[in-house]
Amino acid sequence: MLFLTRCFGVTSSDAERTVAGERAIIEAITERVLAMQAKAAAQQHRPLRRGTHAKGICAKAQFEVFDVNVGRDPVLAARLAKGIFAKPGIYPATVRFANSDSKVNSDFKADVRSLSFSVNLTPKGAASSGANGGSRQDFSLQNATTLPINDSTAFLAIMKLLTASNPAVGLWSLPFKDKLRVLRTLTLVQFQTHQKIKPYQQLRYWSNVPFRHGPNDVVKQSATPSPDNPAMPLQRSNPNGLQDELVRHVKEDTRMSSFDFGLQFLDAEKMTYWGKHLDANFWIENASVEWHEAEAAFHTVARLTLLPGSQLTQADGEITSFDVTGNATADSTPVGSINRARRQGELASRKARMSARSNGAQLQEPAQQRGQPVVAFSYD
């Protein structure tokens, strides 16, 4: 089975990876991200929005870090107590719930949903020190356990397909190995997008990709909704049903939704892929391979809670951005092929849409569409 999955792009050793040529791959991905961003805007006759996750809603929240020593084995507690989780505290946060597609579609189109949020670590009254200054920590999660795009090579292959003027011709023009990577990616997309549609505040979200946790550990993250998060039945006749339900919730409900935030350690000696134990790099570099919770449990370290009446206007939401690389403390930097590939495209996409706004492009609601899901990975 390892041989078969290797044919579809899962890499089992460093010798199979293209780290030396990654810079050229990342530059090509960035070009394609900008092309897809422009293509989506042109097709919907609207100004540029995010390259992916184009439709979303922002609100304010608080992020409460628990005392990880309470009720835990001291060894596990010491392992958890890294970065912003080293001591308890309550911090202001901004959240964005979104659909993953690069187009603005009906909320009832098959899609993956996302939760991105930034935590302001600046002491009260102090000025923010900006990106990489230790004053902010960003997180990006989706309601799927893995990313269907396995690594930077698969990322470029799928972007070539998505930006082709003719998808069939675009697929045919790919090298055979890239065809297999695209086939695997699109198959995983179908499984992930066709989930039961539920309100944003009642979904569970995962980081998909790994991050450092202190000098020695690597983790994935998850936000699990409280079982009693309130929501009204969704109105399928309303193309903005998910967005409007989130707005209704923070405006009207007396109890605000919360998510328990957990960390999952990479323990290679406990984790298996098709019955095999593999080295830590396998789990770090293959974003489409799941870290099974039965082998590596999540440990709750914090809680994210929405604040009442705190939704941002659409204009304010559009100028809100998230950057898990630029806004990361030294103990929580992202790792792995996809994380190395993502940032340049995100920065270019953000610069393009901000430039369009500064040049006078006005937000407008395009005709919302249904259709085939688009695989997305750019959280900007």
Protein backbone atom coordinates (compact mmCIF):
# COMPACT_ATOMS: atom_id res chain seq x y z
CA MET A 1 0.00 0.00 0.00
CA LEU A 2 2.91 2.39 0.68
CA PHE A 3 4.10 1.76 -2.88
CA LEU A 4 0.65 2.57 -4.26
CA THR A 5 0.22 5.80 -2.31
CA ARG A 6 3.76 6.80 -3.31
CA CYS A 7 2.61 6.64 -6.94
CA PHE A 8 -0.02 9.25 -6.07
CA GLY A 9 2.49 11.62 -4.47
CA VAL A 10 2.78 10.58 -0.81
CA THR A 11 6.50 10.70 0.00
CA SER A 12 8.03 8.26 2.46
CA SER A 13 11.60 9.64 2.57
CA ASP A 14 13.52 12.87 2.02
CA ALA A 15 15.03 11.37 -1.13
CA GLU A 16 11.58 11.49 -2.77
CA ARG A 17 10.98 15.14 -1.96
CA THR A 18 11.82 18.22 -4.04
CA VAL A 19 13.12 20.56 -1.33
CA ALA A 20 16.02 21.72 -3.54
CA GLY A 21 13.63 22.86 -6.27
CA GLU A 22 10.96 24.22 -3.95
CA ARG A 23 11.77 27.89 -4.52
CA ALA A 24 10.91 27.63 -8.22
CA ILE A 25 7.78 25.65 -7.37
CA ILE A 26 6.68 28.31 -4.86
CA GLU A 27 7.20 31.10 -7.39
CA ALA A 28 5.08 29.20 -9.91
CA ILE A 29 2.38 28.60 -7.29
CA THR A 30 2.29 32.33 -6.51
CA GLU A 31 1.72 33.16 -10.18
CA ARG A 32 -1.14 30.66 -10.30
CA VAL A 33 -2.70 31.95 -7.07
CA LEU A 34 -2.84 35.46 -8.54
CA ALA A 35 -4.24 34.09 -11.79
CA MET A 36 -7.01 32.19 -9.96
CA GLN A 37 -7.81 35.25 -7.85
CA ALA A 38 -8.14 37.41 -10.97
CA LYS A 39 -10.08 34.72 -12.84
CA ALA A 40 -12.68 34.38 -10.06
CA ALA A 41 -13.16 38.15 -9.90
CA ALA A 42 -13.53 38.45 -13.67
CA GLN A 43 -16.01 35.58 -13.91
CA GLN A 44 -18.18 37.12 -11.19
CA HIS A 45 -17.73 40.71 -12.42
CA ARG A 46 -16.46 41.95 -9.08
CA PRO A 47 -13.30 43.43 -7.55
CA LEU A 48 -10.60 41.16 -6.18
CA ARG A 49 -11.25 39.33 -2.97
CA ARG A 50 -9.07 36.74 -1.25
CA GLY A 51 -7.47 34.26 -3.60
CA THR A 52 -9.46 31.56 -1.80
CA HIS A 53 -11.89 31.70 1.12
CA ALA A 54 -13.44 34.62 -0.74
CA LYS A 55 -16.73 34.67 1.17
CA GLY A 56 -16.68 35.00 4.94
CA ILE A 57 -17.84 36.84 8.04
CA CYS A 58 -15.71 38.28 10.87
CA ALA A 59 -16.48 38.79 14.54
CA LYS A 60 -14.66 39.44 17.80
CA ALA A 61 -13.88 36.79 20.38
CA GLN A 62 -11.75 36.03 23.40
CA PHE A 63 -9.12 33.33 23.66
CA GLU A 64 -8.69 31.91 27.15
CA VAL A 65 -5.53 29.89 27.78
CA PHE A 66 -6.02 27.38 30.57
CA ASP A 67 -3.58 26.34 33.26
CA VAL A 68 -2.26 23.19 31.57
CA ASN A 69 -0.92 21.85 34.88
CA VAL A 70 -4.36 21.29 36.38
CA GLY A 71 -5.35 17.62 36.49
CA ARG A 72 -2.53 16.44 34.22
CA ASP A 73 0.54 14.29 34.47
CA PRO A 74 3.49 16.66 35.07
CA VAL A 75 5.39 15.37 32.03
CA LEU A 76 2.44 16.02 29.69
CA ALA A 77 1.79 19.40 31.34
CA ALA A 78 5.41 20.48 30.80
CA ARG A 79 5.18 19.40 27.18
CA LEU A 80 2.00 21.42 26.63
CA ALA A 81 3.28 24.55 28.41
CA LYS A 82 5.10 26.13 25.46
CA GLY A 83 4.64 29.46 23.70
CA ILE A 84 1.38 31.20 24.51
CA PHE A 85 0.23 28.09 26.39
CA ALA A 86 3.00 28.39 28.99
CA LYS A 87 0.78 30.30 31.41
CA PRO A 88 -2.95 31.00 31.71
CA GLY A 89 -4.42 34.21 30.36
CA ILE A 90 -7.31 35.77 28.44
CA TYR A 91 -6.65 37.56 25.15
CA PRO A 92 -8.78 39.45 22.61
CA ALA A 93 -9.21 37.73 19.26
CA THR A 94 -10.70 38.30 15.82
CA VAL A 95 -12.30 35.35 14.02
CA ARG A 96 -13.35 34.76 10.43
CA PHE A 97 -15.65 31.96 9.34
CA ALA A 98 -15.58 31.33 5.60
CA ASN A 99 -16.21 29.03 2.68
CA SER A 100 -13.04 27.79 1.01
CA ASP A 101 -13.87 28.50 -2.62
CA SER A 102 -12.19 31.28 -4.58
CA LYS A 103 -15.65 32.33 -5.79
CA VAL A 104 -18.52 33.87 -3.85
CA ASN A 105 -21.06 31.03 -3.94
CA SER A 106 -24.24 30.06 -2.20
CA ASP A 107 -23.49 28.87 1.33
CA PHE A 108 -25.20 25.62 0.37
CA LYS A 109 -22.77 24.75 -2.36
CA ALA A 110 -20.61 21.76 -1.40
CA ASP A 111 -17.47 23.22 0.17
CA VAL A 112 -15.04 23.05 3.05
CA ARG A 113 -15.62 25.66 5.77
CA SER A 114 -12.85 27.46 7.60
CA LEU A 115 -12.19 29.16 10.91
CA SER A 116 -9.28 31.61 11.00
CA PHE A 117 -8.51 33.71 14.04
CA SER A 118 -5.85 36.03 15.39
CA VAL A 119 -4.99 36.36 19.07
CA ASN A 120 -3.70 39.73 20.26
CA LEU A 121 -0.90 39.06 22.76
CA THR A 122 0.01 42.73 23.24
CA PRO A 123 -0.16 43.84 26.89
CA LYS A 124 -3.07 46.19 27.49
CA GLY A 125 -2.12 49.73 26.55
CA ALA A 126 1.02 48.76 24.67
CA ALA A 127 1.56 49.26 20.94
CA SER A 128 1.56 46.23 18.68
CA SER A 129 4.99 45.21 17.43
CA GLY A 130 3.63 43.83 14.16
CA ALA A 131 4.35 40.63 12.29
CA ASN A 132 6.89 38.30 13.86
CA GLY A 133 7.15 40.65 16.83
CA GLY A 134 5.58 38.21 19.26
CA SER A 135 2.47 40.34 19.80
CA ARG A 136 0.06 38.27 17.73
CA GLN A 137 -0.60 34.61 17.04
CA ASP A 138 -2.72 33.56 14.04
CA PHE A 139 -4.47 30.25 13.49
CA SER A 140 -6.17 28.81 10.39
CA LEU A 141 -8.33 25.72 10.46
CA GLN A 142 -10.85 23.90 8.27
CA ASN A 143 -13.65 21.40 8.94
CA ALA A 144 -11.58 18.52 7.59
CA THR A 145 -8.85 16.56 9.34
CA THR A 146 -6.32 16.82 6.51
CA LEU A 147 -5.52 19.00 3.55
CA PRO A 148 -6.25 17.27 0.22
CA ILE A 149 -3.17 18.94 -1.29
CA ASN A 150 -0.27 16.79 -0.10
CA ASP A 151 2.77 19.04 -0.68
CA SER A 152 4.14 21.89 -2.81
CA THR A 153 4.45 19.67 -5.90
CA ALA A 154 0.79 18.64 -5.67
CA PHE A 155 -0.11 22.26 -4.91
CA LEU A 156 1.42 23.44 -8.19
CA ALA A 157 -0.16 20.61 -10.16
CA ILE A 158 -3.68 21.37 -8.92
CA MET A 159 -3.19 25.11 -9.46
CA LYS A 160 -2.20 24.45 -13.08
CA LEU A 161 -5.48 22.62 -13.54
CA LEU A 162 -7.60 25.26 -11.78
CA THR A 163 -6.13 28.14 -13.78
CA ALA A 164 -6.26 26.40 -17.18
CA SER A 165 -8.63 27.95 -19.72
CA ASN A 166 -9.80 24.43 -20.53
CA PRO A 167 -9.63 21.98 -17.58
CA ALA A 168 -9.52 18.89 -19.79
CA VAL A 169 -6.62 20.29 -21.80
CA GLY A 170 -4.95 21.46 -18.59
CA LEU A 171 -5.16 17.98 -17.08
CA TRP A 172 -3.89 16.32 -20.28
CA SER A 173 -0.88 18.64 -20.41
CA LEU A 174 0.35 17.59 -16.96
CA PRO A 175 3.12 15.00 -16.58
CA PHE A 176 1.81 11.55 -15.66
CA LYS A 177 2.87 11.77 -12.00
CA ASP A 178 1.16 15.14 -11.68
CA LYS A 179 -2.01 13.65 -13.18
CA LEU A 180 -1.98 11.08 -10.39
CA ARG A 181 -1.38 13.80 -7.77
CA VAL A 182 -4.32 15.79 -9.14
CA LEU A 183 -6.54 12.69 -9.20
CA ARG A 184 -5.76 11.96 -5.55
CA THR A 185 -6.31 15.60 -4.57
CA LEU A 186 -9.69 15.85 -6.30
CA THR A 187 -10.83 12.54 -4.83
CA LEU A 188 -10.04 13.77 -1.32
CA VAL A 189 -11.78 17.07 -2.09
CA GLN A 190 -14.98 15.23 -2.94
CA PHE A 191 -14.96 13.42 0.41
CA GLN A 192 -14.23 16.60 2.35
CA THR A 193 -16.69 18.94 0.66
CA HIS A 194 -19.70 16.65 0.79
CA GLN A 195 -20.28 16.80 4.52
CA LYS A 196 -23.54 17.64 6.23
CA ILE A 197 -23.99 21.42 6.10
CA LYS A 198 -24.21 22.84 9.61
CA PRO A 199 -23.91 26.37 11.06
CA TYR A 200 -20.35 27.63 11.31
CA GLN A 201 -20.57 27.68 15.11
CA GLN A 202 -21.43 23.97 15.29
CA LEU A 203 -18.57 22.62 13.16
CA ARG A 204 -15.28 21.18 14.32
CA TYR A 205 -12.14 22.56 12.67
CA TRP A 206 -8.56 21.23 12.27
CA SER A 207 -5.30 22.96 11.29
CA ASN A 208 -4.60 20.31 8.58
CA VAL A 209 -0.88 21.12 8.71
CA PRO A 210 1.70 20.98 11.53
CA PHE A 211 3.37 23.66 13.64
CA ARG A 212 6.29 23.74 16.04
CA HIS A 213 5.43 23.63 19.71
CA GLY A 214 8.52 24.71 21.57
CA PRO A 215 12.02 23.60 20.53
CA ASN A 216 11.36 19.86 20.32
CA ASP A 217 7.71 19.11 19.55
CA VAL A 218 5.45 19.42 16.52
CA VAL A 219 1.64 19.61 16.80
CA LYS A 220 -1.57 19.96 14.91
CA GLN A 221 -4.45 22.02 16.29
CA SER A 222 -8.21 21.60 16.51
CA ALA A 223 -11.18 23.73 17.61
CA THR A 224 -14.08 21.61 18.88
CA PRO A 225 -17.49 23.29 19.29
CA SER A 226 -19.28 23.14 22.61
CA PRO A 227 -22.23 20.72 22.33
CA ASP A 228 -24.62 23.48 23.39
CA ASN A 229 -23.53 26.12 20.86
CA PRO A 230 -26.87 27.66 19.86
CA ALA A 231 -28.11 27.88 16.27
CA MET A 232 -31.39 28.21 14.41
CA PRO A 233 -32.34 25.89 11.50
CA LEU A 234 -30.60 26.96 8.31
CA GLN A 235 -32.69 28.49 5.54
CA ARG A 236 -31.60 26.74 2.35
CA SER A 237 -33.45 29.27 0.21
CA ASN A 238 -31.04 31.93 1.50
CA PRO A 239 -27.68 31.82 -0.34
CA ASN A 240 -26.12 33.59 2.67
CA GLY A 241 -27.62 31.14 5.16
CA LEU A 242 -24.41 30.27 7.05
CA GLN A 243 -23.20 33.85 7.19
CA ASP A 244 -26.58 35.25 8.26
CA GLU A 245 -27.01 32.58 10.94
CA LEU A 246 -23.64 33.52 12.45
CA VAL A 247 -24.63 37.21 12.45
CA ARG A 248 -28.02 36.36 14.00
CA HIS A 249 -26.30 34.31 16.68
CA VAL A 250 -23.94 37.03 17.91
CA LYS A 251 -26.71 39.64 17.72
CA GLU A 252 -29.56 37.76 19.38
CA ASP A 253 -28.48 34.79 21.46
CA THR A 254 -27.78 35.22 25.17
CA ARG A 255 -25.20 32.42 25.23
CA MET A 256 -22.25 32.74 22.89
CA SER A 257 -20.65 29.83 21.05
CA SER A 258 -17.30 28.52 22.20
CA PHE A 259 -14.68 26.09 20.90
CA ASP A 260 -12.26 24.02 22.95
CA PHE A 261 -8.82 24.44 21.41
CA GLY A 262 -6.61 21.36 21.48
CA LEU A 263 -3.10 20.29 20.53
CA GLN A 264 -2.13 16.92 19.03
CA PHE A 265 1.50 15.87 19.39
CA LEU A 266 3.46 14.22 16.63
CA ASP A 267 4.58 11.00 18.33
CA ALA A 268 6.03 9.01 15.44
CA GLU A 269 6.63 5.91 17.55
CA LYS A 270 2.87 5.67 18.25
CA MET A 271 1.51 6.68 14.84
CA THR A 272 1.03 4.34 11.87
CA TYR A 273 0.30 4.67 8.17
CA TRP A 274 -1.16 1.50 6.67
CA GLY A 275 0.24 -0.35 9.68
CA LYS A 276 3.77 1.06 9.30
CA HIS A 277 5.72 3.29 11.67
CA LEU A 278 7.47 6.08 9.75
CA ASP A 279 9.82 8.89 10.74
CA ALA A 280 8.68 12.32 11.92
CA ASN A 281 9.40 13.94 8.54
CA PHE A 282 6.82 11.69 6.89
CA TRP A 283 4.10 13.12 9.13
CA ILE A 284 5.36 16.68 8.72
CA GLU A 285 5.79 16.72 4.94
CA ASN A 286 2.61 14.88 3.84
CA ALA A 287 -0.30 17.24 4.55
CA SER A 288 -2.90 14.82 3.19
CA VAL A 289 -2.01 12.04 5.65
CA GLU A 290 -4.16 11.95 8.77
CA TRP A 291 -2.79 11.83 12.30
CA HIS A 292 -5.37 9.46 13.79
CA GLU A 293 -6.71 10.56 17.14
CA ALA A 294 -6.77 6.97 18.38
CA GLU A 295 -2.96 7.06 18.14
CA ALA A 296 -2.35 10.72 18.97
CA ALA A 297 -4.99 12.36 21.15
CA PHE A 298 -5.82 16.07 21.27
CA HIS A 299 -5.24 17.85 24.59
CA THR A 300 -7.43 20.86 25.37
CA VAL A 301 -5.34 23.90 26.31
CA ALA A 302 -7.61 26.89 25.60
CA ARG A 303 -11.11 28.04 24.69
CA LEU A 304 -12.20 30.44 21.94
CA THR A 305 -15.50 32.21 22.72
CA LEU A 306 -17.40 34.58 20.43
CA LEU A 307 -18.44 37.96 21.83
CA PRO A 308 -22.03 39.23 21.59
CA GLY A 309 -22.86 41.90 19.03
CA SER A 310 -19.31 41.84 17.68
CA GLN A 311 -19.66 41.08 13.98
CA LEU A 312 -17.50 43.23 11.71
CA THR A 313 -18.88 45.02 8.69
CA GLN A 314 -18.12 43.43 5.35
CA ALA A 315 -15.67 46.25 4.56
CA ASP A 316 -13.82 45.75 7.84
CA GLY A 317 -13.80 42.01 7.27
CA GLU A 318 -12.18 42.46 3.88
CA ILE A 319 -9.23 44.37 5.32
CA THR A 320 -8.77 41.75 8.04
CA SER A 321 -6.08 39.22 7.20
CA PHE A 322 -4.44 36.18 8.77
CA ASP A 323 -0.87 34.99 8.42
CA VAL A 324 0.20 31.89 10.34
CA THR A 325 3.83 32.41 9.29
CA GLY A 326 4.21 36.15 9.77
CA ASN A 327 2.11 36.25 12.93
CA ALA A 328 3.68 33.41 14.86
CA THR A 329 5.63 33.30 18.08
CA ALA A 330 9.03 31.65 17.98
CA ASP A 331 7.56 28.55 19.64
CA SER A 332 4.81 28.02 17.06
CA THR A 333 6.21 28.49 13.57
CA PRO A 334 4.68 26.39 10.77
CA VAL A 335 6.59 23.43 9.32
CA GLY A 336 6.29 21.15 6.28
CA SER A 337 6.12 21.50 2.52
CA ILE A 338 2.68 23.11 2.31
CA ASN A 339 3.51 25.65 4.99
CA ARG A 340 6.70 26.58 3.13
CA ALA A 341 4.70 26.97 -0.06
CA ARG A 342 1.72 28.89 1.23
CA ARG A 343 3.03 32.23 2.44
CA GLN A 344 4.40 33.82 -0.73
CA GLY A 345 1.09 33.22 -2.52
CA GLU A 346 -0.90 34.53 0.42
CA LEU A 347 1.18 37.70 0.63
CA ALA A 348 0.88 38.31 -3.12
CA SER A 349 -2.87 37.70 -3.03
CA ARG A 350 -3.32 40.08 -0.10
CA LYS A 351 -1.22 42.77 -1.76
CA ALA A 352 -3.28 42.48 -4.95
CA ARG A 353 -6.66 42.83 -3.26
CA MET A 354 -5.52 45.62 -0.94
CA SER A 355 -4.09 47.47 -3.92
CA ALA A 356 -7.39 47.08 -5.76
CA ARG A 357 -9.26 48.50 -2.77
CA SER A 358 -6.89 51.43 -2.41
CA ASN A 359 -7.42 52.20 -6.10
CA GLY A 360 -11.13 52.60 -5.53
CA ALA A 361 -12.60 49.18 -6.29
CA GLN A 362 -15.84 48.86 -4.31
CA LEU A 363 -17.15 45.71 -2.71
CA GLN A 364 -20.21 44.30 -4.35
CA GLU A 365 -22.14 41.08 -4.10
CA PRO A 366 -21.81 38.99 -7.27
CA ALA A 367 -24.38 36.50 -8.43
CA GLN A 368 -23.76 33.49 -6.24
CA GLN A 369 -23.22 30.17 -7.91
CA ARG A 370 -23.40 26.46 -7.45
CA GLY A 371 -21.05 24.10 -9.20
CA GLN A 372 -18.02 21.91 -8.70
CA PRO A 373 -16.01 22.55 -5.50
CA VAL A 374 -12.63 24.22 -5.88
CA VAL A 375 -9.78 22.96 -3.74
CA ALA A 376 -8.39 25.85 -1.75
CA PHE A 377 -5.44 26.62 0.47
CA SER A 378 -4.74 30.28 1.08
CA TYR A 379 -6.11 31.73 4.27
CA ASP A 380 -5.12 35.40 3.93
